[in-house]
Amino acid sequence: MSDTFRILPVHPTTSNAFKEWFKEFSKIRSSLAPVDPFTGEFHKIANAFNALSLELQNEIADKSDKTKSSVYDRPDYIVREFLRTNSVILVISYMKSLAEALSSGKARILKTGIISYDNTNLDEKICSALLREIPSTLAFIFSAKESVAITNIDDLLKICVQLLDYAIVDPNPYIKIEANQYDLFTGIIYAVKSCIENVKDLNASLFFTLFQDFKLMRKFVDVITKSFECQLLTLTTVATQCLNLYIQASQAEPDLKENAKDEEFKSAFNNMMEKVVNPLITADRSNRSKFRSIMHYSRSVK
């Protein structure tokens, strides 16, 4: 099978044309394999994600309520087929490798938007796949509630921890994306946000325990503060949405009470309120409803 693919157009609606389109789509999807993203073999994987980018952006652009029907009844072909064939596991593995490399210091994202691994710059197409197309794919797959039933949430949260740790040190404004794309950092946060929204379909107790063990509340607080300081408002917004949703969903969990008694957490949380949340509410009163759970929780963190 060739290592290159033509860019797949947005799926057609006529029967015969769709049949040919789906055949090409299936060929591209089936080319995915468990490959180290820092080797030459990953070129083929990067080409596959690049070939699917137009269809992915088209599916992301559809803002219809994904909770009202099964993904298998919707024309979200990338999500549906990646779940049906368990290809989502490969998507997570690519993100896991990158997150581990960034966390260990073996990889870093340069100001040029290129990934350096072992002091060698990766190919531009591989960088695009790892920083844009694959995170966008992961985020959109998790918009379907069916995703939580076949994935290891432990892996997803570990990836999130490692990427948030990296973003706290270097919030990285160097990744340029299209209108209907996510970058490496917003993509993983959107995936976690979707897990919280679909927590009733998860082992909720395990999920909240992992969230607490990984100290994700504190990491979100730090990322929100750092990204706002660096004027990365998209990252600030999605991280704030995720934190607000987590606080709302975990009212009965010990995480909130324990953090409210931790002096270091209280200091960081109040700093976030002072530097980020309060100024955003002052600038636009409609933000009050967006931060409702954060504001309510802030009363117990004084």
Protein backbone atom coordinates (compact mmCIF):
# COMPACT_ATOMS: atom_id res chain seq x y z
CA MET A 1 0.00 0.00 0.00
CA SER A 2 1.29 3.48 -0.90
CA ASP A 3 2.66 5.74 1.82
CA THR A 4 0.86 8.73 0.29
CA PHE A 5 -2.85 9.50 -0.01
CA ARG A 6 -4.72 12.20 -1.83
CA ILE A 7 -6.62 14.66 0.35
CA LEU A 8 -10.05 13.14 0.78
CA PRO A 9 -12.86 15.58 -0.07
CA VAL A 10 -15.83 16.09 2.23
CA HIS A 11 -18.14 13.08 1.95
CA PRO A 12 -20.67 13.28 -0.91
CA THR A 13 -24.35 12.53 -0.40
CA THR A 14 -25.18 10.68 -3.62
CA SER A 15 -25.10 6.90 -3.33
CA ASN A 16 -22.53 5.93 -5.96
CA ALA A 17 -20.18 8.80 -5.19
CA PHE A 18 -20.40 8.03 -1.47
CA LYS A 19 -19.59 4.37 -2.08
CA GLU A 20 -16.33 5.33 -3.80
CA TRP A 21 -15.58 7.94 -1.15
CA PHE A 22 -16.10 5.47 1.69
CA LYS A 23 -13.87 2.92 -0.05
CA GLU A 24 -11.04 5.49 -0.16
CA PHE A 25 -11.75 6.56 3.41
CA SER A 26 -11.55 2.94 4.63
CA LYS A 27 -8.24 2.44 2.83
CA ILE A 28 -6.78 5.49 4.57
CA ARG A 29 -8.12 4.52 8.00
CA SER A 30 -6.89 0.93 7.70
CA SER A 31 -3.35 2.19 7.03
CA LEU A 32 -3.04 3.23 10.69
CA ALA A 33 -0.72 1.00 12.68
CA PRO A 34 1.05 0.89 16.07
CA VAL A 35 4.08 2.94 14.97
CA ASP A 36 6.49 5.07 16.99
CA PRO A 37 5.70 8.67 15.96
CA PHE A 38 9.39 9.60 16.15
CA THR A 39 10.49 7.19 13.41
CA GLY A 40 10.42 7.41 9.63
CA GLU A 41 7.62 4.84 9.56
CA PHE A 42 5.27 7.48 10.94
CA HIS A 43 5.30 9.39 7.63
CA LYS A 44 2.58 7.08 6.35
CA ILE A 45 0.46 7.66 9.47
CA ALA A 46 0.93 11.42 9.18
CA ASN A 47 -0.10 11.30 5.52
CA ALA A 48 -3.24 9.38 6.46
CA PHE A 49 -4.35 11.98 9.01
CA ASN A 50 -3.51 14.79 6.60
CA ALA A 51 -5.68 13.09 3.96
CA LEU A 52 -8.62 13.00 6.39
CA SER A 53 -8.25 16.62 7.52
CA LEU A 54 -10.97 18.15 5.30
CA GLU A 55 -13.57 15.59 6.35
CA LEU A 56 -12.57 15.99 10.00
CA GLN A 57 -12.92 19.78 9.87
CA ASN A 58 -16.30 19.37 8.18
CA GLU A 59 -17.52 17.05 10.95
CA ILE A 60 -16.20 19.33 13.70
CA ALA A 61 -17.97 22.31 12.07
CA ASP A 62 -21.33 20.57 12.63
CA LYS A 63 -22.50 21.98 15.97
CA SER A 64 -25.60 19.79 16.32
CA ASP A 65 -26.22 18.18 19.71
CA LYS A 66 -24.24 14.93 19.66
CA THR A 67 -26.03 13.56 22.73
CA LYS A 68 -29.41 13.19 21.03
CA SER A 69 -28.48 10.26 18.83
CA SER A 70 -25.98 7.45 18.62
CA VAL A 71 -22.83 8.17 16.65
CA TYR A 72 -23.74 5.14 14.54
CA ASP A 73 -26.86 6.99 13.33
CA ARG A 74 -25.00 10.16 12.32
CA PRO A 75 -22.81 11.04 9.31
CA ASP A 76 -19.77 11.48 11.58
CA TYR A 77 -17.83 8.91 9.62
CA ILE A 78 -14.42 9.50 11.16
CA VAL A 79 -15.76 9.12 14.70
CA ARG A 80 -17.99 6.20 13.84
CA GLU A 81 -15.36 4.17 12.01
CA PHE A 82 -12.55 4.95 14.43
CA LEU A 83 -14.76 3.65 17.24
CA ARG A 84 -16.17 0.69 15.33
CA THR A 85 -12.70 -0.54 14.38
CA ASN A 86 -11.01 0.43 17.68
CA SER A 87 -8.67 2.74 15.73
CA VAL A 88 -9.20 5.25 18.54
CA ILE A 89 -6.76 3.13 20.59
CA LEU A 90 -4.04 3.95 18.05
CA VAL A 91 -4.90 7.66 18.17
CA ILE A 92 -4.46 7.60 21.95
CA SER A 93 -1.15 5.71 21.61
CA TYR A 94 0.29 8.40 19.32
CA MET A 95 -0.71 11.11 21.77
CA LYS A 96 0.67 9.07 24.65
CA SER A 97 4.09 8.81 22.98
CA LEU A 98 4.23 12.54 22.30
CA ALA A 99 3.06 13.50 25.81
CA GLU A 100 5.67 11.21 27.40
CA ALA A 101 8.43 12.66 25.21
CA LEU A 102 7.45 16.25 26.05
CA SER A 103 7.18 15.38 29.74
CA SER A 104 10.61 13.72 29.85
CA GLY A 105 12.31 16.55 27.96
CA LYS A 106 13.23 14.36 24.98
CA ALA A 107 10.89 16.44 22.82
CA ARG A 108 9.96 20.11 22.75
CA ILE A 109 7.90 22.38 20.53
CA LEU A 110 9.99 25.09 18.88
CA LYS A 111 8.89 28.64 18.11
CA THR A 112 8.68 27.58 14.47
CA GLY A 113 5.86 25.18 15.35
CA ILE A 114 8.14 22.20 14.72
CA ILE A 115 8.75 19.36 17.19
CA SER A 116 12.37 18.72 18.12
CA TYR A 117 13.04 15.15 19.30
CA ASP A 118 16.50 14.20 20.56
CA ASN A 119 17.72 17.52 19.12
CA THR A 120 16.49 16.57 15.65
CA ASN A 121 13.63 18.44 14.03
CA LEU A 122 10.77 16.23 12.85
CA ASP A 123 9.33 16.41 9.36
CA GLU A 124 6.78 19.21 8.95
CA LYS A 125 3.96 16.83 7.98
CA ILE A 126 4.60 14.64 11.04
CA CYS A 127 4.54 17.76 13.23
CA SER A 128 1.25 18.84 11.69
CA ALA A 129 -0.28 15.43 12.38
CA LEU A 130 0.93 15.33 16.00
CA LEU A 131 0.12 18.95 16.86
CA ARG A 132 -3.13 19.42 14.91
CA GLU A 133 -4.78 16.56 13.04
CA ILE A 134 -4.41 13.79 15.64
CA PRO A 135 -5.45 15.97 18.63
CA SER A 136 -8.44 17.20 16.58
CA THR A 137 -9.35 13.60 15.80
CA LEU A 138 -9.08 12.60 19.46
CA ALA A 139 -11.15 15.55 20.67
CA PHE A 140 -13.89 14.87 18.16
CA ILE A 141 -13.99 11.13 18.83
CA PHE A 142 -14.61 11.86 22.51
CA SER A 143 -17.54 14.11 21.62
CA ALA A 144 -19.38 10.81 21.07
CA LYS A 145 -20.43 9.29 24.38
CA GLU A 146 -19.77 5.82 22.96
CA SER A 147 -16.03 6.54 23.13
CA VAL A 148 -15.81 6.24 26.91
CA ALA A 149 -16.90 2.60 26.80
CA ILE A 150 -13.95 1.36 24.72
CA THR A 151 -11.04 3.53 25.84
CA ASN A 152 -8.74 3.53 28.84
CA ILE A 153 -9.58 6.75 30.68
CA ASP A 154 -6.46 6.29 32.81
CA ASP A 155 -4.33 6.75 29.66
CA LEU A 156 -6.29 9.83 28.62
CA LEU A 157 -5.87 11.51 32.02
CA LYS A 158 -2.14 10.66 32.12
CA ILE A 159 -1.73 12.32 28.72
CA CYS A 160 -3.65 15.33 30.02
CA VAL A 161 -1.42 15.58 33.11
CA GLN A 162 1.77 15.49 31.04
CA LEU A 163 0.54 18.06 28.52
CA LEU A 164 -0.76 20.40 31.22
CA ASP A 165 2.61 20.17 33.00
CA TYR A 166 4.31 21.13 29.74
CA ALA A 167 1.85 23.97 29.11
CA ILE A 168 2.38 25.40 32.60
CA VAL A 169 6.09 25.82 31.83
CA ASP A 170 5.64 26.72 28.15
CA PRO A 171 2.02 27.54 27.19
CA ASN A 172 3.17 27.56 23.58
CA PRO A 173 1.50 29.97 21.18
CA TYR A 174 3.43 28.45 18.28
CA ILE A 175 0.83 25.99 16.97
CA LYS A 176 -1.25 27.51 14.17
CA ILE A 177 -4.60 25.84 13.49
CA GLU A 178 -7.54 26.14 11.10
CA ALA A 179 -10.97 27.36 12.22
CA ASN A 180 -12.34 23.86 12.91
CA GLN A 181 -9.26 22.29 14.44
CA TYR A 182 -7.88 21.78 17.93
CA ASP A 183 -4.23 21.93 18.85
CA LEU A 184 -2.33 19.51 21.05
CA PHE A 185 -3.36 21.19 24.31
CA THR A 186 -6.96 22.21 23.60
CA GLY A 187 -7.62 18.83 21.96
CA ILE A 188 -6.77 16.79 25.04
CA ILE A 189 -8.70 19.19 27.30
CA TYR A 190 -11.78 18.90 25.08
CA ALA A 191 -11.51 15.11 25.29
CA VAL A 192 -11.38 15.25 29.11
CA LYS A 193 -14.25 17.75 29.14
CA SER A 194 -16.33 15.28 27.10
CA CYS A 195 -15.54 12.54 29.64
CA ILE A 196 -16.89 14.75 32.42
CA GLU A 197 -20.02 15.48 30.38
CA ASN A 198 -20.50 11.74 29.86
CA VAL A 199 -19.39 10.69 33.34
CA LYS A 200 -22.65 8.78 33.87
CA ASP A 201 -21.45 6.37 31.15
CA LEU A 202 -18.09 5.90 32.89
CA ASN A 203 -17.02 4.23 36.10
CA ALA A 204 -17.61 7.60 37.79
CA SER A 205 -15.95 6.64 41.07
CA LEU A 206 -12.76 5.56 39.29
CA PHE A 207 -12.77 8.67 37.10
CA PHE A 208 -13.02 11.08 40.02
CA THR A 209 -10.41 9.10 41.98
CA LEU A 210 -7.97 9.32 39.06
CA PHE A 211 -8.69 13.02 38.64
CA GLN A 212 -7.87 13.51 42.32
CA ASP A 213 -4.77 11.27 42.28
CA PHE A 214 -3.35 13.14 39.29
CA LYS A 215 -4.07 16.48 41.03
CA LEU A 216 -5.75 17.68 37.86
CA MET A 217 -7.73 20.42 39.58
CA ARG A 218 -4.51 22.18 40.57
CA LYS A 219 -3.02 21.69 37.12
CA PHE A 220 -6.07 23.24 35.45
CA VAL A 221 -5.88 26.20 37.85
CA ASP A 222 -2.22 26.76 36.96
CA VAL A 223 -2.79 26.40 33.20
CA ILE A 224 -5.70 28.85 33.29
CA THR A 225 -3.57 31.45 35.08
CA LYS A 226 -0.50 30.94 32.89
CA SER A 227 -2.35 30.90 29.57
CA PHE A 228 -4.28 34.06 30.48
CA GLU A 229 -1.02 35.82 31.35
CA CYS A 230 0.29 34.84 27.91
CA GLN A 231 -2.97 35.96 26.22
CA LEU A 232 -3.74 32.46 24.93
CA LEU A 233 -7.46 32.98 25.33
CA THR A 234 -8.55 29.81 23.51
CA LEU A 235 -6.55 27.67 25.93
CA THR A 236 -7.81 29.75 28.86
CA THR A 237 -11.41 29.33 27.74
CA VAL A 238 -11.41 25.57 27.24
CA ALA A 239 -9.43 24.94 30.44
CA THR A 240 -11.86 27.13 32.41
CA GLN A 241 -14.85 25.33 30.89
CA CYS A 242 -13.35 21.99 31.89
CA LEU A 243 -12.58 23.10 35.45
CA ASN A 244 -16.05 24.62 35.87
CA LEU A 245 -17.67 21.42 34.62
CA TYR A 246 -15.51 19.24 36.87
CA ILE A 247 -16.43 21.27 39.96
CA GLN A 248 -20.10 21.01 39.02
CA ALA A 249 -19.92 17.24 38.44
CA SER A 250 -17.84 16.36 41.51
CA GLN A 251 -19.82 18.09 44.27
CA ALA A 252 -20.12 14.85 46.24
CA GLU A 253 -16.46 13.86 45.78
CA PRO A 254 -13.71 14.39 48.40
CA ASP A 255 -11.45 16.19 45.90
CA LEU A 256 -13.19 19.55 46.33
CA LYS A 257 -13.18 19.46 50.14
CA GLU A 258 -9.57 18.30 50.40
CA ASN A 259 -8.30 20.95 48.00
CA ALA A 260 -10.25 23.63 49.87
CA LYS A 261 -8.15 22.80 52.96
CA ASP A 262 -4.81 22.73 51.13
CA GLU A 263 -3.00 26.06 51.61
CA GLU A 264 -0.98 25.83 48.38
CA PHE A 265 -4.08 25.02 46.35
CA LYS A 266 -6.04 27.82 48.01
CA SER A 267 -3.30 30.30 47.16
CA ALA A 268 -3.19 29.18 43.51
CA PHE A 269 -6.99 29.14 43.18
CA ASN A 270 -7.42 32.60 44.69
CA ASN A 271 -4.64 33.88 42.43
CA MET A 272 -6.58 32.51 39.44
CA MET A 273 -9.75 34.21 40.67
CA GLU A 274 -7.97 37.53 41.09
CA LYS A 275 -5.99 37.49 37.85
CA VAL A 276 -8.35 35.66 35.48
CA VAL A 277 -11.93 34.99 36.54
CA ASN A 278 -12.78 38.31 38.20
CA PRO A 279 -11.32 40.43 35.36
CA LEU A 280 -13.19 38.34 32.77
CA ILE A 281 -16.47 38.84 34.65
CA THR A 282 -15.80 42.56 35.00
CA ALA A 283 -15.15 42.79 31.25
CA ASP A 284 -18.29 40.83 30.35
CA ARG A 285 -21.05 40.12 32.89
CA SER A 286 -22.32 37.21 30.78
CA ASN A 287 -19.20 35.32 31.86
CA ARG A 288 -20.73 35.01 35.33
CA SER A 289 -22.96 32.15 34.16
CA LYS A 290 -19.98 30.44 32.48
CA PHE A 291 -18.01 30.47 35.73
CA ARG A 292 -20.93 29.72 38.04
CA SER A 293 -19.47 26.57 39.65
CA ILE A 294 -16.00 28.09 39.95
CA MET A 295 -17.44 31.17 41.67
CA HIS A 296 -19.55 29.07 44.03
CA TYR A 297 -16.55 26.93 44.94
CA SER A 298 -14.37 30.01 45.50
CA ARG A 299 -16.39 30.81 48.63
CA SER A 300 -15.03 27.70 50.31
CA VAL A 301 -11.44 28.42 49.25
CA LYS A 302 -11.07 31.83 50.91
